[in-house]
């Protein structure tokens, strides 16, 4: 199955189409770009695999999906430090370089789909931590991720398998 993200006129909103259904979503505050750079706030254009699902087992049940599932632990993070050997990889705190905490106080990362962006191979400074995750209630722009309402994200996950791709144009 292919998921298709269609940006809207408001550059930080989009529509995700999946299996005949459409889901509103938030995208990066910088819109969609073919020249993604770390910190630019844009969502990268391209076609990406859905690598795996991370979830907060202390807050939500394991989502129903054919994708690999991994619980998020209290020390889990994602390296966003260009030049570091672990750039754009999951890491564990304490971590000496810059990294985003995956275990957040808000619910945005209660469910994360890791997208296969800039990971095979990793290109230094080309962007990190590009996920699909839960949106803020007002669908505020993201830093480059794709964010959906929790129930929509769960509905999409039920349809996803190892061959699922997302196309962002």
Foldseek 3Di string as FASTA:
>chain_A
DEWEWAADPQQQKTWIDDPNDIFIKGFFNQHEDCQAFQQPRAAYADKWFQAAKEAAVVPDPFFAAQGHYDYADQFWWAACAFPDPRHQHIDGPPDDHDTGRLDDPDQFNRMWGAIRPCVVPNDGRRYHDAIETAADPVNDGDSHHIHGHPVVVSVRRNVDHRPYMYGYD
